[in-house]
Amino acid sequence: MADYSLADVAKRAVEEYVRSGKHLPVPLPVPPELNRRAGAFVCLKKRGELRGCIGTIEPARDTLLHEVMQNAVSAAVEDPRFYPVRAEELEELEYSVDVLEAPELAASLDELDPKVYGVIVESGRKRGVLLPNLD
């Protein structure tokens, strides 16, 4: 896994899991830029339409690389809005990865530009996220 584009890592993880039922091993050593902890969302699209999207607001794994690999597989086979990705769909999928930095409190609603920043909304124990529109 010499190419460490996060979208490519997500693609490789999904393809391995869908074809074999096994998780792609995390390559060692982990490149320094991916050896940090961060939340990440992985979204899959098929013909421009969402096909799956799963992520973590806060990191759940030891490295960003592992976070992306696991979230990619989850987006492909565990997103409850969609049926699991099948092998015959793999060539049609496009992958995007959003890495979340540590959240910061906004001083006012004027600071919340959804085209630039993601927004975390909390109410009691419930929490949701709106990812930035970076297209």
C-alpha atoms as a PDB file:
ATOM      1  CA  MET A   1       0.000   0.000   0.000  1.00  0.00           C
ATOM      2  CA  ALA A   2       2.517   2.571  -1.198  1.00  0.00           C
ATOM      3  CA  ASP A   3      -0.140   5.143  -2.141  1.00  0.00           C
ATOM      4  CA  TYR A   4      -1.627   6.640   1.013  1.00  0.00           C
ATOM      5  CA  SER A   5      -4.397   8.749  -0.506  1.00  0.00           C
ATOM      6  CA  LEU A   6      -7.169   8.329   2.050  1.00  0.00           C
ATOM      7  CA  ALA A   7      -9.779   7.751  -0.665  1.00  0.00           C
ATOM      8  CA  ASP A   8      -7.561   5.030  -2.144  1.00  0.00           C
ATOM      9  CA  VAL A   9      -7.111   3.430   1.284  1.00  0.00           C
ATOM     10  CA  ALA A  10     -10.904   3.453   1.731  1.00  0.00           C
ATOM     11  CA  LYS A  11     -11.380   1.854  -1.687  1.00  0.00           C
ATOM     12  CA  ARG A  12      -8.847  -0.898  -1.006  1.00  0.00           C
ATOM     13  CA  ALA A  13     -10.390  -1.664   2.387  1.00  0.00           C
ATOM     14  CA  VAL A  14     -13.903  -1.933   0.921  1.00  0.00           C
ATOM     15  CA  GLU A  15     -12.807  -4.049  -2.040  1.00  0.00           C
ATOM     16  CA  GLU A  16     -10.948  -6.502   0.201  1.00  0.00           C
ATOM     17  CA  TYR A  17     -13.854  -6.840   2.609  1.00  0.00           C
ATOM     18  CA  VAL A  18     -16.578  -7.169  -0.028  1.00  0.00           C
ATOM     19  CA  ARG A  19     -14.601  -9.738  -2.029  1.00  0.00           C
ATOM     20  CA  SER A  20     -13.180 -11.827   0.828  1.00  0.00           C
ATOM     21  CA  GLY A  21     -15.124 -10.960   3.977  1.00  0.00           C
ATOM     22  CA  LYS A  22     -11.808 -10.061   5.617  1.00  0.00           C
ATOM     23  CA  HIS A  23     -10.472  -6.733   6.789  1.00  0.00           C
ATOM     24  CA  LEU A  24      -7.413  -5.400   5.011  1.00  0.00           C
ATOM     25  CA  PRO A  25      -4.501  -5.469   7.480  1.00  0.00           C
ATOM     26  CA  VAL A  26      -3.233  -2.069   8.598  1.00  0.00           C
ATOM     27  CA  PRO A  27       0.125  -1.673   6.847  1.00  0.00           C
ATOM     28  CA  LEU A  28       3.108  -1.116   9.100  1.00  0.00           C
ATOM     29  CA  PRO A  29       4.789   1.176   9.616  1.00  0.00           C
ATOM     30  CA  VAL A  30       1.957   3.676   9.436  1.00  0.00           C
ATOM     31  CA  PRO A  31       3.084   6.839   7.601  1.00  0.00           C
ATOM     32  CA  PRO A  32       3.633   9.713  10.069  1.00  0.00           C
ATOM     33  CA  GLU A  33       0.834  11.872   8.623  1.00  0.00           C
ATOM     34  CA  LEU A  34      -1.645   9.015   9.192  1.00  0.00           C
ATOM     35  CA  ASN A  35      -0.246   7.899  12.545  1.00  0.00           C
ATOM     36  CA  ARG A  36      -2.331  10.404  14.482  1.00  0.00           C
ATOM     37  CA  ARG A  37      -5.792  10.081  15.950  1.00  0.00           C
ATOM     38  CA  ALA A  38      -8.698  11.867  14.272  1.00  0.00           C
ATOM     39  CA  GLY A  39     -12.337  11.287  13.504  1.00  0.00           C
ATOM     40  CA  ALA A  40     -13.148  10.592   9.877  1.00  0.00           C
ATOM     41  CA  PHE A  41     -16.175  10.097   7.652  1.00  0.00           C
ATOM     42  CA  VAL A  42     -16.061   7.908   4.574  1.00  0.00           C
ATOM     43  CA  CYS A  43     -18.773   8.339   1.944  1.00  0.00           C
ATOM     44  CA  LEU A  44     -19.407   6.126  -1.063  1.00  0.00           C
ATOM     45  CA  LYS A  45     -21.296   7.298  -4.133  1.00  0.00           C
ATOM     46  CA  LYS A  46     -22.612   5.317  -7.065  1.00  0.00           C
ATOM     47  CA  ARG A  47     -23.460   7.297 -10.211  1.00  0.00           C
ATOM     48  CA  GLY A  48     -23.375  10.485  -8.151  1.00  0.00           C
ATOM     49  CA  GLU A  49     -25.854   9.201  -5.545  1.00  0.00           C
ATOM     50  CA  LEU A  50     -24.960   8.434  -1.947  1.00  0.00           C
ATOM     51  CA  ARG A  51     -24.419   4.688  -1.461  1.00  0.00           C
ATOM     52  CA  GLY A  52     -23.153   4.723   2.128  1.00  0.00           C
ATOM     53  CA  CYS A  53     -21.588   7.082   4.649  1.00  0.00           C
ATOM     54  CA  ILE A  54     -20.274   6.232   8.102  1.00  0.00           C
ATOM     55  CA  GLY A  55     -17.877   8.079  10.331  1.00  0.00           C
ATOM     56  CA  THR A  56     -16.687   9.041  13.742  1.00  0.00           C
ATOM     57  CA  ILE A  57     -16.819  12.545  15.169  1.00  0.00           C
ATOM     58  CA  GLU A  58     -14.070  11.654  17.614  1.00  0.00           C
ATOM     59  CA  PRO A  59     -11.400   9.033  16.935  1.00  0.00           C
ATOM     60  CA  ALA A  60     -12.271   5.471  17.916  1.00  0.00           C
ATOM     61  CA  ARG A  61      -9.067   3.792  16.715  1.00  0.00           C
ATOM     62  CA  ASP A  62      -5.332   4.136  17.251  1.00  0.00           C
ATOM     63  CA  THR A  63      -4.495   5.822  13.937  1.00  0.00           C
ATOM     64  CA  LEU A  64      -6.227   7.865  11.249  1.00  0.00           C
ATOM     65  CA  LEU A  65      -5.280   5.161   8.751  1.00  0.00           C
ATOM     66  CA  HIS A  66      -7.130   2.495  10.775  1.00  0.00           C
ATOM     67  CA  GLU A  67     -10.061   4.887  11.333  1.00  0.00           C
ATOM     68  CA  VAL A  68     -10.505   5.377   7.582  1.00  0.00           C
ATOM     69  CA  MET A  69     -10.154   1.674   6.798  1.00  0.00           C
ATOM     70  CA  GLN A  70     -12.785   0.649   9.359  1.00  0.00           C
ATOM     71  CA  ASN A  71     -15.207   3.461   8.525  1.00  0.00           C
ATOM     72  CA  ALA A  72     -14.942   2.634   4.822  1.00  0.00           C
ATOM     73  CA  VAL A  73     -15.992  -0.960   5.432  1.00  0.00           C
ATOM     74  CA  SER A  74     -18.781   0.213   7.727  1.00  0.00           C
ATOM     75  CA  ALA A  75     -20.035   2.648   5.071  1.00  0.00           C
ATOM     76  CA  ALA A  76     -20.103  -0.184   2.540  1.00  0.00           C
ATOM     77  CA  VAL A  77     -21.839  -2.845   4.604  1.00  0.00           C
ATOM     78  CA  GLU A  78     -23.324  -1.324   7.776  1.00  0.00           C
ATOM     79  CA  ASP A  79     -25.053   1.928   6.778  1.00  0.00           C
ATOM     80  CA  PRO A  80     -28.663   1.114   7.736  1.00  0.00           C
ATOM     81  CA  ARG A  81     -30.031   3.302   4.935  1.00  0.00           C
ATOM     82  CA  PHE A  82     -28.660   0.989   2.239  1.00  0.00           C
ATOM     83  CA  TYR A  83     -28.216  -2.690   1.497  1.00  0.00           C
ATOM     84  CA  PRO A  84     -24.594  -3.908   1.728  1.00  0.00           C
ATOM     85  CA  VAL A  85     -22.368  -3.183  -1.261  1.00  0.00           C
ATOM     86  CA  ARG A  86     -22.020  -6.155  -3.613  1.00  0.00           C
ATOM     87  CA  ALA A  87     -18.881  -7.142  -5.526  1.00  0.00           C
ATOM     88  CA  GLU A  88     -20.450  -6.240  -8.881  1.00  0.00           C
ATOM     89  CA  GLU A  89     -20.867  -2.625  -7.693  1.00  0.00           C
ATOM     90  CA  LEU A  90     -17.234  -2.026  -6.715  1.00  0.00           C
ATOM     91  CA  GLU A  91     -16.118  -0.577 -10.063  1.00  0.00           C
ATOM     92  CA  GLU A  92     -18.910   2.023  -9.950  1.00  0.00           C
ATOM     93  CA  LEU A  93     -18.134   3.426  -6.509  1.00  0.00           C
ATOM     94  CA  GLU A  94     -16.487   6.764  -5.808  1.00  0.00           C
ATOM     95  CA  TYR A  95     -14.957   7.418  -2.394  1.00  0.00           C
ATOM     96  CA  SER A  96     -14.537  10.566  -0.334  1.00  0.00           C
ATOM     97  CA  VAL A  97     -12.950  10.966   3.078  1.00  0.00           C
ATOM     98  CA  ASP A  98     -13.453  13.891   5.452  1.00  0.00           C
ATOM     99  CA  VAL A  99     -11.006  14.093   8.355  1.00  0.00           C
ATOM    100  CA  LEU A 100     -12.389  15.877  11.397  1.00  0.00           C
ATOM    101  CA  GLU A 101     -10.130  18.066  13.467  1.00  0.00           C
ATOM    102  CA  ALA A 102     -10.779  18.776  17.140  1.00  0.00           C
ATOM    103  CA  PRO A 103     -14.120  20.575  17.537  1.00  0.00           C
ATOM    104  CA  GLU A 104     -14.169  24.249  18.464  1.00  0.00           C
ATOM    105  CA  LEU A 105     -17.041  26.175  20.000  1.00  0.00           C
ATOM    106  CA  ALA A 106     -18.541  28.848  17.763  1.00  0.00           C
ATOM    107  CA  ALA A 107     -19.003  32.240  19.388  1.00  0.00           C
ATOM    108  CA  SER A 108     -22.043  32.984  17.225  1.00  0.00           C
ATOM    109  CA  LEU A 109     -24.191  31.512  14.467  1.00  0.00           C
ATOM    110  CA  ASP A 110     -22.497  33.900  12.021  1.00  0.00           C
ATOM    111  CA  GLU A 111     -19.330  31.787  12.315  1.00  0.00           C
ATOM    112  CA  LEU A 112     -21.089  28.647  11.066  1.00  0.00           C
ATOM    113  CA  ASP A 113     -20.425  28.545   7.329  1.00  0.00           C
ATOM    114  CA  PRO A 114     -21.519  25.050   6.213  1.00  0.00           C
ATOM    115  CA  LYS A 115     -19.493  25.323   3.014  1.00  0.00           C
ATOM    116  CA  VAL A 116     -16.295  25.651   5.042  1.00  0.00           C
ATOM    117  CA  TYR A 117     -16.850  24.094   8.461  1.00  0.00           C
ATOM    118  CA  GLY A 118     -18.598  21.019   9.725  1.00  0.00           C
ATOM    119  CA  VAL A 119     -21.162  21.535  12.455  1.00  0.00           C
ATOM    120  CA  ILE A 120     -21.749  19.250  15.446  1.00  0.00           C
ATOM    121  CA  VAL A 121     -25.179  19.536  17.039  1.00  0.00           C
ATOM    122  CA  GLU A 122     -25.755  18.113  20.517  1.00  0.00           C
ATOM    123  CA  SER A 123     -28.907  17.693  22.568  1.00  0.00           C
ATOM    124  CA  GLY A 124     -28.543  15.741  25.770  1.00  0.00           C
ATOM    125  CA  ARG A 125     -26.833  12.461  24.886  1.00  0.00           C
ATOM    126  CA  LYS A 126     -27.670  12.713  21.186  1.00  0.00           C
ATOM    127  CA  ARG A 127     -25.222  14.114  18.692  1.00  0.00           C
ATOM    128  CA  GLY A 128     -25.139  14.619  14.943  1.00  0.00           C
ATOM    129  CA  VAL A 129     -22.788  16.159  12.431  1.00  0.00           C
ATOM    130  CA  LEU A 130     -23.207  18.142   9.234  1.00  0.00           C
ATOM    131  CA  LEU A 131     -20.101  17.754   7.101  1.00  0.00           C
ATOM    132  CA  PRO A 132     -18.900  20.777   5.122  1.00  0.00           C
ATOM    133  CA  ASN A 133     -19.885  21.062   1.481  1.00  0.00           C
ATOM    134  CA  LEU A 134     -16.421  21.081  -0.084  1.00  0.00           C
ATOM    135  CA  ASP A 135     -17.448  20.361  -3.704  1.00  0.00           C
END
